[in-house]
Amino acid sequence: MRVGILGGTFDPVHWGHLLIAEVAREALGLTQVLFVPAGDPPHKQQLKKSRAGQRRRMVELAIADNPAFALNSIDLDRPGPHYTIDMIQLIRSQYHLAADDCFFIIGSDSLHDLPTWHRPDKLVTLCRLAIACRPGYQPDVAALEKTIPGLAGRLDWVETPLFDVSSTLIRAKVAQGRTIRYHVPDQVARYIDEHQLYRAEVK
């Protein structure tokens, strides 16, 4: 079994998340991709988030039609602080995964910031890193390797079509009364409207 892990606040989950997950699933031959909504990531503690149950439900709605996608709420169900290395260890234990069968999916921008994460040296021993990169863009792996020895051998590159949308943009559009059609799955858009999410947020 080869499992991909896509973490994030998912506030809200959008088509970009789903696209990255599906491209990684196909490129790496993954049996399943787990969507793991973040609990209280230390580097985003100042971010105003929707309630955990709301973010969980939006992910459930977004992935319902893809049998290769699954929700894993491990970070929502445990006390913080929520470090990625702890989440990876718990999921590996749950699914009885070897390090080389566990793929943590991140964007190339997150790879650039990896030295600022908690224990990145340990992270690269726990899993492989599936890097969703834009065509023609390659981070400076040699420079990163100096900070995180062994990193280069733990990377799998997944070329991802450009889809320039973000949760921040979606929240701002909702706050401004603008359409988010084709930004999120229709069922997620309905949930946002029904629960009046993001309407009071000003960016």
Protein backbone atom coordinates (compact mmCIF):
# COMPACT_ATOMS: atom_id res chain seq x y z
CA MET A 1 0.00 0.00 0.00
CA ARG A 2 1.32 3.42 -1.00
CA VAL A 3 -0.37 6.35 0.71
CA GLY A 4 -0.20 10.07 -0.02
CA ILE A 5 -0.86 12.62 2.71
CA LEU A 6 -2.12 16.10 1.88
CA GLY A 7 -2.37 18.34 4.91
CA GLY A 8 -3.71 21.87 5.17
CA THR A 9 -6.13 24.12 6.95
CA PHE A 10 -8.57 23.56 4.03
CA ASP A 11 -10.39 26.77 4.87
CA PRO A 12 -11.90 26.15 2.40
CA VAL A 13 -10.73 23.14 0.42
CA HIS A 14 -10.64 24.05 -3.29
CA TRP A 15 -10.04 22.61 -6.75
CA GLY A 16 -6.29 23.24 -6.46
CA HIS A 17 -6.06 20.83 -3.53
CA LEU A 18 -8.02 18.18 -5.40
CA LEU A 19 -5.96 18.62 -8.57
CA ILE A 20 -2.64 18.24 -6.73
CA ALA A 21 -3.91 15.14 -4.93
CA GLU A 22 -5.10 13.46 -8.11
CA VAL A 23 -1.97 14.26 -10.11
CA ALA A 24 0.21 12.93 -7.28
CA ARG A 25 -1.95 9.80 -6.98
CA GLU A 26 -1.48 8.97 -10.65
CA ALA A 27 2.19 9.97 -10.93
CA LEU A 28 3.31 8.02 -7.85
CA GLY A 29 0.94 5.07 -8.12
CA LEU A 30 -0.68 5.83 -4.78
CA THR A 31 -3.33 3.50 -3.41
CA GLN A 32 -4.98 6.31 -1.50
CA VAL A 33 -4.56 10.01 -0.76
CA LEU A 34 -5.48 11.14 2.75
CA PHE A 35 -6.72 14.69 3.29
CA VAL A 36 -5.64 15.73 6.79
CA PRO A 37 -7.19 19.00 8.01
CA ALA A 38 -4.79 20.80 10.33
CA GLY A 39 -5.68 21.20 13.98
CA ASP A 40 -3.56 24.06 15.28
CA PRO A 41 -0.36 24.27 13.22
CA PRO A 42 2.24 26.25 15.21
CA HIS A 43 3.22 28.37 12.19
CA LYS A 44 -0.41 29.46 11.59
CA GLN A 45 -1.64 30.18 15.09
CA GLN A 46 -2.53 33.78 14.20
CA LEU A 47 -4.75 32.68 11.32
CA LYS A 48 -8.46 33.00 11.97
CA LYS A 49 -9.91 29.64 10.99
CA SER A 50 -13.41 28.26 10.55
CA ARG A 51 -14.46 25.71 13.15
CA ALA A 52 -12.82 22.30 12.89
CA GLY A 53 -16.13 20.60 12.16
CA GLN A 54 -16.83 22.98 9.29
CA ARG A 55 -13.45 22.44 7.67
CA ARG A 56 -13.83 18.68 8.12
CA ARG A 57 -17.27 18.73 6.49
CA MET A 58 -16.08 20.76 3.50
CA VAL A 59 -13.34 18.21 2.86
CA GLU A 60 -15.85 15.35 3.14
CA LEU A 61 -18.09 17.03 0.57
CA ALA A 62 -15.21 17.78 -1.79
CA ILE A 63 -13.75 14.26 -1.91
CA ALA A 64 -16.97 12.22 -1.73
CA ASP A 65 -16.93 11.22 -5.41
CA ASN A 66 -13.33 9.94 -5.51
CA PRO A 67 -12.86 6.48 -3.96
CA ALA A 68 -9.08 7.01 -3.86
CA PHE A 69 -9.47 10.03 -1.55
CA ALA A 70 -10.20 9.77 2.18
CA LEU A 71 -10.50 12.11 5.13
CA ASN A 72 -8.20 11.54 8.09
CA SER A 73 -9.07 13.73 11.09
CA ILE A 74 -6.13 12.71 13.26
CA ASP A 75 -4.95 16.31 13.72
CA LEU A 76 -8.45 17.52 14.61
CA ASP A 77 -8.96 14.74 17.15
CA ARG A 78 -5.77 15.18 19.21
CA PRO A 79 -4.46 17.99 21.39
CA GLY A 80 -1.81 20.35 20.05
CA PRO A 81 0.71 21.50 19.23
CA HIS A 82 0.32 19.81 15.86
CA TYR A 83 3.67 19.10 14.29
CA THR A 84 3.89 17.39 10.91
CA ILE A 85 6.35 14.77 12.16
CA ASP A 86 3.89 13.62 14.84
CA MET A 87 1.06 13.40 12.33
CA ILE A 88 3.18 11.37 9.90
CA GLN A 89 4.23 8.95 12.64
CA LEU A 90 0.63 8.42 13.74
CA ILE A 91 -0.62 7.81 10.20
CA ARG A 92 2.24 5.41 9.47
CA SER A 93 1.23 3.47 12.58
CA GLN A 94 -2.45 3.50 11.62
CA TYR A 95 -1.79 2.16 8.12
CA HIS A 96 1.30 0.07 8.93
CA LEU A 97 3.33 1.97 6.36
CA ALA A 98 7.04 1.83 5.71
CA ALA A 99 8.75 5.19 5.24
CA ASP A 100 9.13 4.62 1.48
CA ASP A 101 5.40 3.89 1.10
CA CYS A 102 4.35 7.13 2.78
CA PHE A 103 4.35 10.28 0.63
CA PHE A 104 3.82 13.70 2.17
CA ILE A 105 2.50 15.98 -0.59
CA ILE A 106 3.62 19.61 -0.45
CA GLY A 107 4.07 22.48 -2.86
CA SER A 108 7.48 23.61 -4.02
CA ASP A 109 6.98 26.81 -2.01
CA SER A 110 6.64 24.72 1.15
CA LEU A 111 9.80 22.82 0.22
CA HIS A 112 11.63 26.14 0.11
CA ASP A 113 10.39 26.90 3.65
CA LEU A 114 11.10 23.40 5.00
CA PRO A 115 14.17 24.42 7.06
CA THR A 116 11.85 26.56 9.24
CA TRP A 117 9.63 23.57 10.12
CA HIS A 118 9.90 21.57 13.33
CA ARG A 119 12.58 18.86 12.97
CA PRO A 120 12.79 18.74 9.15
CA ASP A 121 15.77 16.40 9.56
CA LYS A 122 13.48 13.84 11.18
CA LEU A 123 10.67 14.40 8.67
CA VAL A 124 12.77 13.18 5.76
CA THR A 125 13.42 9.90 7.59
CA LEU A 126 9.72 9.29 8.20
CA CYS A 127 8.41 9.62 4.64
CA ARG A 128 9.14 10.64 1.11
CA LEU A 129 8.23 14.15 0.02
CA ALA A 130 6.06 14.45 -3.09
CA ILE A 131 6.74 17.94 -4.42
CA ALA A 132 3.98 19.51 -6.49
CA CYS A 133 5.92 21.89 -8.71
CA ARG A 134 4.96 24.26 -11.46
CA PRO A 135 6.34 23.51 -14.93
CA GLY A 136 9.78 25.04 -15.37
CA TYR A 137 10.29 25.80 -11.67
CA GLN A 138 12.84 23.91 -9.57
CA PRO A 139 13.78 24.89 -6.00
CA ASP A 140 17.46 25.02 -5.06
CA VAL A 141 17.76 21.51 -3.64
CA ALA A 142 21.53 21.75 -3.27
CA ALA A 143 21.15 24.70 -0.90
CA LEU A 144 18.42 22.92 1.05
CA GLU A 145 20.54 19.79 1.30
CA LYS A 146 23.16 21.74 3.24
CA THR A 147 20.56 22.49 5.92
CA ILE A 148 18.72 19.15 5.77
CA PRO A 149 21.22 16.39 4.90
CA GLY A 150 19.63 13.51 3.00
CA LEU A 151 16.76 15.63 1.67
CA ALA A 152 17.61 15.25 -2.03
CA GLY A 153 17.21 11.49 -1.94
CA ARG A 154 13.76 11.71 -0.37
CA LEU A 155 12.10 13.88 -3.04
CA ASP A 156 9.65 12.83 -5.74
CA TRP A 157 8.79 15.53 -8.27
CA VAL A 158 5.20 15.81 -9.47
CA GLU A 159 4.68 18.33 -12.25
CA THR A 160 1.35 20.00 -11.59
CA PRO A 161 -0.70 22.16 -13.95
CA LEU A 162 -0.86 25.80 -12.96
CA PHE A 163 -4.08 26.52 -11.06
CA ASP A 164 -3.73 29.89 -9.40
CA VAL A 165 -6.32 29.81 -6.65
CA SER A 166 -5.93 29.92 -2.88
CA SER A 167 -8.10 29.67 0.21
CA THR A 168 -7.17 33.26 1.06
CA LEU A 169 -8.47 34.45 -2.32
CA ILE A 170 -11.69 32.48 -1.91
CA ARG A 171 -12.38 33.90 1.56
CA ALA A 172 -11.76 37.41 0.27
CA LYS A 173 -14.13 36.91 -2.67
CA VAL A 174 -16.90 35.63 -0.41
CA ALA A 175 -16.39 38.59 1.93
CA GLN A 176 -16.74 40.91 -1.06
CA GLY A 177 -19.86 39.16 -2.33
CA ARG A 178 -18.10 37.88 -5.46
CA THR A 179 -18.55 34.49 -7.11
CA ILE A 180 -16.38 31.50 -6.20
CA ARG A 181 -17.84 29.29 -8.88
CA TYR A 182 -15.14 27.06 -10.44
CA HIS A 183 -12.90 27.82 -7.45
CA VAL A 184 -14.41 25.12 -5.22
CA PRO A 185 -16.66 22.10 -5.90
CA ASP A 186 -20.33 23.08 -6.10
CA GLN A 187 -21.21 21.22 -2.90
CA VAL A 188 -18.53 23.16 -1.01
CA ALA A 189 -19.82 26.45 -2.41
CA ARG A 190 -23.32 25.55 -1.22
CA TYR A 191 -22.01 24.70 2.24
CA ILE A 192 -20.17 28.04 2.47
CA ASP A 193 -23.34 29.87 1.44
CA GLU A 194 -25.67 27.91 3.73
CA HIS A 195 -23.42 28.43 6.76
CA GLN A 196 -22.54 32.02 5.82
CA LEU A 197 -18.84 31.36 6.15
CA TYR A 198 -16.29 34.11 5.50
CA ARG A 199 -18.86 36.84 4.98
CA ALA A 200 -17.58 39.07 7.76
CA GLU A 201 -13.92 38.57 6.85
CA VAL A 202 -12.13 41.54 5.35
CA LYS A 203 -8.85 41.15 3.52
